[in-house]
Amino acid sequence: MVFSPDAEFGAGTARRATDDIASEVGRLRDQPGEGVVSIGGAGLAAAAIAEDLIDEYRQFVNPIILGGGTPYFTPLAKPLGLRLTESLTFSAGVVYLRCQRTR
C-alpha cells in the first residue's frame, strides 16, 4: 500500500491507497493471516499515531538534537500508553526501543 500524491510510483505488488489511513489500515487488519505494516515518513506516522492505529513502536534514538524537522510525535488529544518490551544500546550511543501499545 502506497500513500503518495505522486502520479507515478514503484508499483510491483503494491497498490495506491484510495482512502484515509484509518480506513486502509482497517481493511488490512480485516484480511486473514498475520501481517506487518511498516510506516515511513513523519507525516504518515503522525497520522497513524493520531488515529491510534499503531500496535508496536520500534525506534532508534540517536544522541543528537537537531532542533528542527518534521516531528513524528505531534500533539495528541490524549496520551497513548506504551510498555517497553525491548531495548538495546549500541556502541555509538544509539538506543533501540521496542514498545507495545497498551489499551
PDB file of N, CA and C in Angstrom:
ATOM      1  N   MET A   1       0.850  -1.155   0.000  1.00  0.00           N
ATOM      2  CA  MET A   1       0.000   0.000   0.000  1.00  0.00           C
ATOM      3  C   MET A   1       0.901   1.224   0.000  1.00  0.00           C
ATOM      4  N   VAL A   2       0.628   2.120  -0.884  1.00  0.00           N
ATOM      5  CA  VAL A   2       1.430   3.322  -1.008  1.00  0.00           C
ATOM      6  C   VAL A   2       0.535   4.539  -0.831  1.00  0.00           C
ATOM      7  N   PHE A   3       0.887   5.392   0.129  1.00  0.00           N
ATOM      8  CA  PHE A   3       0.224   6.682   0.307  1.00  0.00           C
ATOM      9  C   PHE A   3       1.140   7.705  -0.341  1.00  0.00           C
ATOM     10  N   SER A   4       0.788   8.148  -1.521  1.00  0.00           N
ATOM     11  CA  SER A   4       1.650   9.077  -2.237  1.00  0.00           C
ATOM     12  C   SER A   4       0.823   9.979  -3.131  1.00  0.00           C
ATOM     13  N   PRO A   5       1.145  11.261  -3.127  1.00  0.00           N
ATOM     14  CA  PRO A   5       0.447  12.173  -4.035  1.00  0.00           C
ATOM     15  C   PRO A   5       1.029  12.126  -5.448  1.00  0.00           C
ATOM     16  N   ASP A   6       2.173  11.437  -5.616  1.00  0.00           N
ATOM     17  CA  ASP A   6       2.825  11.377  -6.918  1.00  0.00           C
ATOM     18  C   ASP A   6       1.988  10.580  -7.909  1.00  0.00           C
ATOM     19  N   ALA A   7       1.980  11.023  -9.141  1.00  0.00           N
ATOM     20  CA  ALA A   7       1.215  10.333 -10.179  1.00  0.00           C
ATOM     21  C   ALA A   7       1.817   8.958 -10.468  1.00  0.00           C
ATOM     22  N   GLU A   8       3.124   8.845 -10.359  1.00  0.00           N
ATOM     23  CA  GLU A   8       3.785   7.566 -10.625  1.00  0.00           C
ATOM     24  C   GLU A   8       4.505   7.115  -9.358  1.00  0.00           C
ATOM     25  N   PHE A   9       4.491   5.831  -9.129  1.00  0.00           N
ATOM     26  CA  PHE A   9       5.225   5.263  -8.014  1.00  0.00           C
ATOM     27  C   PHE A   9       5.610   3.850  -8.379  1.00  0.00           C
ATOM     28  N   GLY A  10       6.623   3.302  -7.703  1.00  0.00           N
ATOM     29  CA  GLY A  10       7.065   1.932  -7.963  1.00  0.00           C
ATOM     30  C   GLY A  10       5.980   0.954  -7.578  1.00  0.00           C
ATOM     31  N   ALA A  11       5.243   0.453  -8.533  1.00  0.00           N
ATOM     32  CA  ALA A  11       4.076  -0.375  -8.250  1.00  0.00           C
ATOM     33  C   ALA A  11       4.435  -1.766  -7.751  1.00  0.00           C
ATOM     34  N   GLY A  12       5.007  -2.633  -8.574  1.00  0.00           N
ATOM     35  CA  GLY A  12       5.253  -4.010  -8.160  1.00  0.00           C
ATOM     36  C   GLY A  12       3.949  -4.640  -7.717  1.00  0.00           C
ATOM     37  N   THR A  13       3.922  -5.157  -6.493  1.00  0.00           N
ATOM     38  CA  THR A  13       2.691  -5.735  -5.942  1.00  0.00           C
ATOM     39  C   THR A  13       1.942  -4.734  -5.072  1.00  0.00           C
ATOM     40  N   ALA A  14       2.469  -3.532  -4.961  1.00  0.00           N
ATOM     41  CA  ALA A  14       1.836  -2.501  -4.132  1.00  0.00           C
ATOM     42  C   ALA A  14       0.653  -1.882  -4.879  1.00  0.00           C
ATOM     43  N   ARG A  15      -0.254  -1.332  -4.097  1.00  0.00           N
ATOM     44  CA  ARG A  15      -1.349  -0.568  -4.684  1.00  0.00           C
ATOM     45  C   ARG A  15      -1.418   0.783  -3.994  1.00  0.00           C
ATOM     46  N   ARG A  16      -1.919   1.751  -4.719  1.00  0.00           N
ATOM     47  CA  ARG A  16      -2.052   3.098  -4.168  1.00  0.00           C
ATOM     48  C   ARG A  16      -3.265   3.145  -3.243  1.00  0.00           C
ATOM     49  N   ALA A  17      -3.093   3.762  -2.091  1.00  0.00           N
ATOM     50  CA  ALA A  17      -4.203   3.958  -1.153  1.00  0.00           C
ATOM     51  C   ALA A  17      -5.228   4.883  -1.784  1.00  0.00           C
ATOM     52  N   THR A  18      -6.486   4.521  -1.622  1.00  0.00           N
ATOM     53  CA  THR A  18      -7.560   5.341  -2.193  1.00  0.00           C
ATOM     54  C   THR A  18      -8.431   5.980  -1.120  1.00  0.00           C
ATOM     55  N   ASP A  19      -8.109   5.704   0.150  1.00  0.00           N
ATOM     56  CA  ASP A  19      -8.921   6.191   1.257  1.00  0.00           C
ATOM     57  C   ASP A  19      -7.990   6.753   2.324  1.00  0.00           C
ATOM     58  N   ASP A  20      -8.558   7.224   3.433  1.00  0.00           N
ATOM     59  CA  ASP A  20      -7.740   7.737   4.528  1.00  0.00           C
ATOM     60  C   ASP A  20      -7.003   6.585   5.212  1.00  0.00           C
ATOM     61  N   ILE A  21      -5.997   6.902   5.999  1.00  0.00           N
ATOM     62  CA  ILE A  21      -5.151   5.884   6.606  1.00  0.00           C
ATOM     63  C   ILE A  21      -5.927   4.960   7.542  1.00  0.00           C
ATOM     64  N   ALA A  22      -6.879   5.484   8.306  1.00  0.00           N
ATOM     65  CA  ALA A  22      -7.648   4.642   9.233  1.00  0.00           C
ATOM     66  C   ALA A  22      -8.460   3.599   8.469  1.00  0.00           C
ATOM     67  N   SER A  23      -9.088   3.986   7.387  1.00  0.00           N
ATOM     68  CA  SER A  23      -9.882   3.047   6.585  1.00  0.00           C
ATOM     69  C   SER A  23      -8.994   1.999   5.927  1.00  0.00           C
ATOM     70  N   GLU A  24      -7.870   2.419   5.385  1.00  0.00           N
ATOM     71  CA  GLU A  24      -6.961   1.490   4.708  1.00  0.00           C
ATOM     72  C   GLU A  24      -6.371   0.483   5.692  1.00  0.00           C
ATOM     73  N   VAL A  25      -5.921   0.945   6.849  1.00  0.00           N
ATOM     74  CA  VAL A  25      -5.363   0.035   7.852  1.00  0.00           C
ATOM     75  C   VAL A  25      -6.449  -0.899   8.371  1.00  0.00           C
ATOM     76  N   GLY A  26      -7.666  -0.401   8.546  1.00  0.00           N
ATOM     77  CA  GLY A  26      -8.777  -1.244   8.968  1.00  0.00           C
ATOM     78  C   GLY A  26      -9.023  -2.385   7.997  1.00  0.00           C
ATOM     79  N   ARG A  27      -8.964  -2.094   6.699  1.00  0.00           N
ATOM     80  CA  ARG A  27      -9.146  -3.146   5.690  1.00  0.00           C
ATOM     81  C   ARG A  27      -8.008  -4.158   5.750  1.00  0.00           C
ATOM     82  N   LEU A  28      -6.791  -3.679   5.961  1.00  0.00           N
ATOM     83  CA  LEU A  28      -5.646  -4.595   6.072  1.00  0.00           C
ATOM     84  C   LEU A  28      -5.799  -5.504   7.291  1.00  0.00           C
ATOM     85  N   ARG A  29      -6.246  -4.950   8.403  1.00  0.00           N
ATOM     86  CA  ARG A  29      -6.429  -5.745   9.628  1.00  0.00           C
ATOM     87  C   ARG A  29      -7.529  -6.784   9.473  1.00  0.00           C
ATOM     88  N   ASP A  30      -8.522  -6.510   8.633  1.00  0.00           N
ATOM     89  CA  ASP A  30      -9.631  -7.443   8.419  1.00  0.00           C
ATOM     90  C   ASP A  30      -9.251  -8.635   7.540  1.00  0.00           C
ATOM     91  N   GLN A  31      -8.121  -8.546   6.846  1.00  0.00           N
ATOM     92  CA  GLN A  31      -7.700  -9.645   5.984  1.00  0.00           C
ATOM     93  C   GLN A  31      -7.170 -10.788   6.835  1.00  0.00           C
ATOM     94  N   PRO A  32      -7.321 -12.037   6.356  1.00  0.00           N
ATOM     95  CA  PRO A  32      -6.840 -13.183   7.130  1.00  0.00           C
ATOM     96  C   PRO A  32      -5.317 -13.225   7.217  1.00  0.00           C
ATOM     97  N   GLY A  33      -4.827 -13.879   8.270  1.00  0.00           N
ATOM     98  CA  GLY A  33      -3.389 -14.044   8.453  1.00  0.00           C
ATOM     99  C   GLY A  33      -2.778 -12.919   9.249  1.00  0.00           C
ATOM    100  N   GLU A  34      -1.506 -13.128   9.575  1.00  0.00           N
ATOM    101  CA  GLU A  34      -0.768 -12.097  10.293  1.00  0.00           C
ATOM    102  C   GLU A  34      -0.074 -11.202   9.289  1.00  0.00           C
ATOM    103  N   GLY A  35       0.004  -9.965   9.607  1.00  0.00           N
ATOM    104  CA  GLY A  35       0.652  -9.032   8.708  1.00  0.00           C
ATOM    105  C   GLY A  35       1.424  -7.983   9.473  1.00  0.00           C
ATOM    106  N   VAL A  36       2.338  -7.386   8.779  1.00  0.00           N
ATOM    107  CA  VAL A  36       3.136  -6.313   9.347  1.00  0.00           C
ATOM    108  C   VAL A  36       3.007  -5.110   8.430  1.00  0.00           C
ATOM    109  N   VAL A  37       2.736  -3.990   9.025  1.00  0.00           N
ATOM    110  CA  VAL A  37       2.686  -2.744   8.277  1.00  0.00           C
ATOM    111  C   VAL A  37       3.806  -1.866   8.803  1.00  0.00           C
ATOM    112  N   SER A  38       4.652  -1.446   7.913  1.00  0.00           N
ATOM    113  CA  SER A  38       5.746  -0.555   8.279  1.00  0.00           C
ATOM    114  C   SER A  38       5.415   0.825   7.729  1.00  0.00           C
ATOM    115  N   ILE A  39       5.476   1.824   8.595  1.00  0.00           N
ATOM    116  CA  ILE A  39       5.113   3.179   8.196  1.00  0.00           C
ATOM    117  C   ILE A  39       6.368   4.032   8.163  1.00  0.00           C
ATOM    118  N   GLY A  40       6.596   4.661   7.038  1.00  0.00           N
ATOM    119  CA  GLY A  40       7.740   5.539   6.890  1.00  0.00           C
ATOM    120  C   GLY A  40       7.293   6.951   6.572  1.00  0.00           C
ATOM    121  N   GLY A  41       8.013   7.905   7.055  1.00  0.00           N
ATOM    122  CA  GLY A  41       7.692   9.302   6.811  1.00  0.00           C
ATOM    123  C   GLY A  41       6.984   9.907   8.006  1.00  0.00           C
ATOM    124  N   ALA A  42       7.442  11.057   8.409  1.00  0.00           N
ATOM    125  CA  ALA A  42       6.910  11.693   9.614  1.00  0.00           C
ATOM    126  C   ALA A  42       5.437  12.048   9.496  1.00  0.00           C
ATOM    127  N   GLY A  43       4.998  12.513   8.347  1.00  0.00           N
ATOM    128  CA  GLY A  43       3.603  12.904   8.189  1.00  0.00           C
ATOM    129  C   GLY A  43       2.654  11.724   8.281  1.00  0.00           C
ATOM    130  N   LEU A  44       2.995  10.630   7.606  1.00  0.00           N
ATOM    131  CA  LEU A  44       2.154   9.429   7.644  1.00  0.00           C
ATOM    132  C   LEU A  44       2.183   8.802   9.031  1.00  0.00           C
ATOM    133  N   ALA A  45       3.355   8.772   9.645  1.00  0.00           N
ATOM    134  CA  ALA A  45       3.464   8.232  11.010  1.00  0.00           C
ATOM    135  C   ALA A  45       2.614   9.054  11.979  1.00  0.00           C
ATOM    136  N   ALA A  46       2.674  10.366  11.873  1.00  0.00           N
ATOM    137  CA  ALA A  46       1.881  11.227  12.759  1.00  0.00           C
ATOM    138  C   ALA A  46       0.388  10.990  12.565  1.00  0.00           C
ATOM    139  N   ALA A  47      -0.046  10.776  11.327  1.00  0.00           N
ATOM    140  CA  ALA A  47      -1.461  10.495  11.061  1.00  0.00           C
ATOM    141  C   ALA A  47      -1.875   9.163  11.675  1.00  0.00           C
ATOM    142  N   ALA A  48      -1.019   8.145  11.573  1.00  0.00           N
ATOM    143  CA  ALA A  48      -1.321   6.829  12.156  1.00  0.00           C
ATOM    144  C   ALA A  48      -1.346   6.894  13.678  1.00  0.00           C
ATOM    145  N   ILE A  49      -0.435   7.653  14.263  1.00  0.00           N
ATOM    146  CA  ILE A  49      -0.404   7.816  15.723  1.00  0.00           C
ATOM    147  C   ILE A  49      -1.667   8.535  16.195  1.00  0.00           C
ATOM    148  N   ALA A  50      -2.050   9.597  15.504  1.00  0.00           N
ATOM    149  CA  ALA A  50      -3.236  10.369  15.894  1.00  0.00           C
ATOM    150  C   ALA A  50      -4.504   9.520  15.847  1.00  0.00           C
ATOM    151  N   GLU A  51      -4.548   8.538  14.947  1.00  0.00           N
ATOM    152  CA  GLU A  51      -5.716   7.646  14.821  1.00  0.00           C
ATOM    153  C   GLU A  51      -5.588   6.409  15.715  1.00  0.00           C
ATOM    154  N   ASP A  52      -4.495   6.316  16.485  1.00  0.00           N
ATOM    155  CA  ASP A  52      -4.215   5.172  17.369  1.00  0.00           C
ATOM    156  C   ASP A  52      -4.238   3.848  16.606  1.00  0.00           C
ATOM    157  N   LEU A  53      -3.547   3.826  15.468  1.00  0.00           N
ATOM    158  CA  LEU A  53      -3.507   2.651  14.603  1.00  0.00           C
ATOM    159  C   LEU A  53      -2.284   1.770  14.831  1.00  0.00           C
ATOM    160  N   ILE A  54      -1.361   2.217  15.655  1.00  0.00           N
ATOM    161  CA  ILE A  54      -0.090   1.510  15.801  1.00  0.00           C
ATOM    162  C   ILE A  54      -0.114   0.650  17.054  1.00  0.00           C
ATOM    163  N   ASP A  55       0.187  -0.642  16.879  1.00  0.00           N
ATOM    164  CA  ASP A  55       0.225  -1.593  17.990  1.00  0.00           C
ATOM    165  C   ASP A  55       1.618  -1.706  18.603  1.00  0.00           C
ATOM    166  N   GLU A  56       2.643  -1.457  17.796  1.00  0.00           N
ATOM    167  CA  GLU A  56       4.021  -1.608  18.278  1.00  0.00           C
ATOM    168  C   GLU A  56       4.893  -0.518  17.663  1.00  0.00           C
ATOM    169  N   TYR A  57       5.674   0.104  18.498  1.00  0.00           N
ATOM    170  CA  TYR A  57       6.602   1.148  18.070  1.00  0.00           C
ATOM    171  C   TYR A  57       8.019   0.615  18.156  1.00  0.00           C
ATOM    172  N   ARG A  58       8.804   0.805  17.107  1.00  0.00           N
ATOM    173  CA  ARG A  58      10.223   0.447  17.103  1.00  0.00           C
ATOM    174  C   ARG A  58      11.001   1.680  16.662  1.00  0.00           C
ATOM    175  N   GLN A  59      11.830   2.163  17.559  1.00  0.00           N
ATOM    176  CA  GLN A  59      12.554   3.405  17.287  1.00  0.00           C
ATOM    177  C   GLN A  59      14.041   3.247  17.565  1.00  0.00           C
ATOM    178  N   PHE A  60      14.813   3.972  16.803  1.00  0.00           N
ATOM    179  CA  PHE A  60      16.234   4.132  17.079  1.00  0.00           C
ATOM    180  C   PHE A  60      16.426   5.585  17.483  1.00  0.00           C
ATOM    181  N   VAL A  61      16.943   5.800  18.676  1.00  0.00           N
ATOM    182  CA  VAL A  61      17.158   7.146  19.200  1.00  0.00           C
ATOM    183  C   VAL A  61      18.644   7.450  19.109  1.00  0.00           C
ATOM    184  N   ASN A  62      18.961   8.511  18.374  1.00  0.00           N
ATOM    185  CA  ASN A  62      20.343   8.922  18.206  1.00  0.00           C
ATOM    186  C   ASN A  62      20.687  10.026  19.198  1.00  0.00           C
ATOM    187  N   PRO A  63      21.908  10.001  19.744  1.00  0.00           N
ATOM    188  CA  PRO A  63      22.287  11.015  20.737  1.00  0.00           C
ATOM    189  C   PRO A  63      22.670  12.352  20.091  1.00  0.00           C
ATOM    190  N   ILE A  64      21.675  13.006  19.505  1.00  0.00           N
ATOM    191  CA  ILE A  64      21.895  14.304  18.884  1.00  0.00           C
ATOM    192  C   ILE A  64      20.573  15.076  18.897  1.00  0.00           C
ATOM    193  N   ILE A  65      20.662  16.373  19.059  1.00  0.00           N
ATOM    194  CA  ILE A  65      19.476  17.230  18.989  1.00  0.00           C
ATOM    195  C   ILE A  65      19.612  18.066  17.731  1.00  0.00           C
ATOM    196  N   LEU A  66      18.687  17.886  16.812  1.00  0.00           N
ATOM    197  CA  LEU A  66      18.747  18.597  15.543  1.00  0.00           C
ATOM    198  C   LEU A  66      18.152  19.991  15.630  1.00  0.00           C
ATOM    199  N   GLY A  67      17.103  20.142  16.428  1.00  0.00           N
ATOM    200  CA  GLY A  67      16.483  21.445  16.574  1.00  0.00           C
ATOM    201  C   GLY A  67      15.556  21.832  15.438  1.00  0.00           C
ATOM    202  N   GLY A  68      15.147  20.876  14.620  1.00  0.00           N
ATOM    203  CA  GLY A  68      14.237  21.181  13.528  1.00  0.00           C
ATOM    204  C   GLY A  68      13.763  19.911  12.866  1.00  0.00           C
ATOM    205  N   GLY A  69      12.997  20.076  11.803  1.00  0.00           N
ATOM    206  CA  GLY A  69      12.490  18.922  11.073  1.00  0.00           C
ATOM    207  C   GLY A  69      11.034  18.644  11.400  1.00  0.00           C
ATOM    208  N   THR A  70      10.495  17.642  10.737  1.00  0.00           N
ATOM    209  CA  THR A  70       9.108  17.252  10.943  1.00  0.00           C
ATOM    210  C   THR A  70       9.027  16.240  12.070  1.00  0.00           C
ATOM    211  N   PRO A  71       8.290  16.541  13.137  1.00  0.00           N
ATOM    212  CA  PRO A  71       8.228  15.613  14.268  1.00  0.00           C
ATOM    213  C   PRO A  71       7.347  14.398  13.982  1.00  0.00           C
ATOM    214  N   TYR A  72       7.759  13.238  14.481  1.00  0.00           N
ATOM    215  CA  TYR A  72       6.924  12.038  14.419  1.00  0.00           C
ATOM    216  C   TYR A  72       5.818  12.125  15.459  1.00  0.00           C
ATOM    217  N   PHE A  73       6.114  12.744  16.577  1.00  0.00           N
ATOM    218  CA  PHE A  73       5.159  12.814  17.674  1.00  0.00           C
ATOM    219  C   PHE A  73       4.605  14.225  17.762  1.00  0.00           C
ATOM    220  N   THR A  74       3.490  14.431  17.096  1.00  0.00           N
ATOM    221  CA  THR A  74       2.818  15.725  17.131  1.00  0.00           C
ATOM    222  C   THR A  74       1.871  15.732  18.334  1.00  0.00           C
ATOM    223  N   PRO A  75       1.387  16.889  18.764  1.00  0.00           N
ATOM    224  CA  PRO A  75       0.475  16.940  19.912  1.00  0.00           C
ATOM    225  C   PRO A  75      -0.760  16.051  19.697  1.00  0.00           C
ATOM    226  N   LEU A  76      -1.148  15.347  20.754  1.00  0.00           N
ATOM    227  CA  LEU A  76      -2.298  14.442  20.707  1.00  0.00           C
ATOM    228  C   LEU A  76      -3.396  14.939  21.645  1.00  0.00           C
ATOM    229  N   ALA A  77      -4.624  14.521  21.382  1.00  0.00           N
ATOM    230  CA  ALA A  77      -5.751  14.889  22.239  1.00  0.00           C
ATOM    231  C   ALA A  77      -5.626  14.246  23.613  1.00  0.00           C
ATOM    232  N   LYS A  78      -5.026  13.033  23.666  1.00  0.00           N
ATOM    233  CA  LYS A  78      -4.822  12.347  24.944  1.00  0.00           C
ATOM    234  C   LYS A  78      -3.557  11.499  24.836  1.00  0.00           C
ATOM    235  N   PRO A  79      -2.911  11.230  25.954  1.00  0.00           N
ATOM    236  CA  PRO A  79      -1.691  10.417  25.927  1.00  0.00           C
ATOM    237  C   PRO A  79      -1.993   8.979  25.481  1.00  0.00           C
ATOM    238  N   LEU A  80      -1.020   8.357  24.838  1.00  0.00           N
ATOM    239  CA  LEU A  80      -1.111   6.953  24.449  1.00  0.00           C
ATOM    240  C   LEU A  80      -0.128   6.168  25.314  1.00  0.00           C
ATOM    241  N   GLY A  81      -0.629   5.181  26.044  1.00  0.00           N
ATOM    242  CA  GLY A  81       0.232   4.382  26.906  1.00  0.00           C
ATOM    243  C   GLY A  81       1.060   3.383  26.124  1.00  0.00           C
ATOM    244  N   LEU A  82       2.318   3.240  26.522  1.00  0.00           N
ATOM    245  CA  LEU A  82       3.235   2.281  25.909  1.00  0.00           C
ATOM    246  C   LEU A  82       3.916   1.468  26.993  1.00  0.00           C
ATOM    247  N   ARG A  83       4.267   0.216  26.643  1.00  0.00           N
ATOM    248  CA  ARG A  83       5.023  -0.645  27.552  1.00  0.00           C
ATOM    249  C   ARG A  83       6.309  -1.046  26.842  1.00  0.00           C
ATOM    250  N   LEU A  84       7.443  -0.747  27.450  1.00  0.00           N
ATOM    251  CA  LEU A  84       8.736  -1.101  26.871  1.00  0.00           C
ATOM    252  C   LEU A  84       8.899  -2.620  26.898  1.00  0.00           C
ATOM    253  N   THR A  85       9.138  -3.223  25.735  1.00  0.00           N
ATOM    254  CA  THR A  85       9.303  -4.676  25.657  1.00  0.00           C
ATOM    255  C   THR A  85      10.725  -5.089  25.310  1.00  0.00           C
ATOM    256  N   GLU A  86      11.511  -4.161  24.786  1.00  0.00           N
ATOM    257  CA  GLU A  86      12.900  -4.484  24.434  1.00  0.00           C
ATOM    258  C   GLU A  86      13.677  -3.188  24.284  1.00  0.00           C
ATOM    259  N   SER A  87      14.934  -3.229  24.677  1.00  0.00           N
ATOM    260  CA  SER A  87      15.820  -2.089  24.429  1.00  0.00           C
ATOM    261  C   SER A  87      17.242  -2.602  24.228  1.00  0.00           C
ATOM    262  N   LEU A  88      17.957  -1.936  23.363  1.00  0.00           N
ATOM    263  CA  LEU A  88      19.354  -2.262  23.089  1.00  0.00           C
ATOM    264  C   LEU A  88      20.127  -0.960  22.981  1.00  0.00           C
ATOM    265  N   THR A  89      21.327  -0.947  23.512  1.00  0.00           N
ATOM    266  CA  THR A  89      22.200   0.216  23.375  1.00  0.00           C
ATOM    267  C   THR A  89      23.401  -0.190  22.543  1.00  0.00           C
ATOM    268  N   PHE A  90      23.698   0.573  21.521  1.00  0.00           N
ATOM    269  CA  PHE A  90      24.812   0.292  20.625  1.00  0.00           C
ATOM    270  C   PHE A  90      26.017   1.138  21.013  1.00  0.00           C
ATOM    271  N   SER A  91      27.186   0.733  20.551  1.00  0.00           N
ATOM    272  CA  SER A  91      28.436   1.380  20.968  1.00  0.00           C
ATOM    273  C   SER A  91      28.496   2.871  20.632  1.00  0.00           C
ATOM    274  N   ALA A  92      27.835   3.299  19.584  1.00  0.00           N
ATOM    275  CA  ALA A  92      27.850   4.713  19.201  1.00  0.00           C
ATOM    276  C   ALA A  92      26.872   5.544  20.028  1.00  0.00           C
ATOM    277  N   GLY A  93      26.167   4.899  20.973  1.00  0.00           N
ATOM    278  CA  GLY A  93      25.221   5.612  21.814  1.00  0.00           C
ATOM    279  C   GLY A  93      23.793   5.565  21.310  1.00  0.00           C
ATOM    280  N   VAL A  94      23.568   4.956  20.156  1.00  0.00           N
ATOM    281  CA  VAL A  94      22.215   4.810  19.623  1.00  0.00           C
ATOM    282  C   VAL A  94      21.455   3.806  20.488  1.00  0.00           C
ATOM    283  N   VAL A  95      20.203   4.105  20.787  1.00  0.00           N
ATOM    284  CA  VAL A  95      19.366   3.222  21.606  1.00  0.00           C
ATOM    285  C   VAL A  95      18.171   2.765  20.774  1.00  0.00           C
ATOM    286  N   TYR A  96      17.954   1.460  20.771  1.00  0.00           N
ATOM    287  CA  TYR A  96      16.790   0.866  20.100  1.00  0.00           C
ATOM    288  C   TYR A  96      15.721   0.610  21.147  1.00  0.00           C
ATOM    289  N   LEU A  97      14.511   1.086  20.891  1.00  0.00           N
ATOM    290  CA  LEU A  97      13.380   0.903  21.795  1.00  0.00           C
ATOM    291  C   LEU A  97      12.250   0.203  21.069  1.00  0.00           C
ATOM    292  N   ARG A  98      11.731  -0.834  21.661  1.00  0.00           N
ATOM    293  CA  ARG A  98      10.557  -1.534  21.133  1.00  0.00           C
ATOM    294  C   ARG A  98       9.481  -1.467  22.193  1.00  0.00           C
ATOM    295  N   CYS A  99       8.336  -0.872  21.849  1.00  0.00           N
ATOM    296  CA  CYS A  99       7.255  -0.670  22.819  1.00  0.00           C
ATOM    297  C   CYS A  99       5.942  -1.181  22.253  1.00  0.00           C
ATOM    298  N   GLN A 100       5.134  -1.790  23.109  1.00  0.00           N
ATOM    299  CA  GLN A 100       3.790  -2.237  22.758  1.00  0.00           C
ATOM    300  C   GLN A 100       2.794  -1.179  23.228  1.00  0.00           C
ATOM    301  N   ARG A 101       1.781  -0.960  22.435  1.00  0.00           N
ATOM    302  CA  ARG A 101       0.706  -0.039  22.800  1.00  0.00           C
ATOM    303  C   ARG A 101      -0.152  -0.706  23.862  1.00  0.00           C
ATOM    304  N   THR A 102      -0.420  -0.017  24.964  1.00  0.00           N
ATOM    305  CA  THR A 102      -1.329  -0.521  25.994  1.00  0.00           C
ATOM    306  C   THR A 102      -2.677   0.144  25.791  1.00  0.00           C
ATOM    307  N   ARG A 103      -3.721  -0.648  25.903  1.00  0.00           N
ATOM    308  CA  ARG A 103      -5.069  -0.111  25.717  1.00  0.00           C
ATOM    309  C   ARG A 103      -5.935  -0.515  26.869  1.00  0.00           C
TER     310      ARG A 103
END
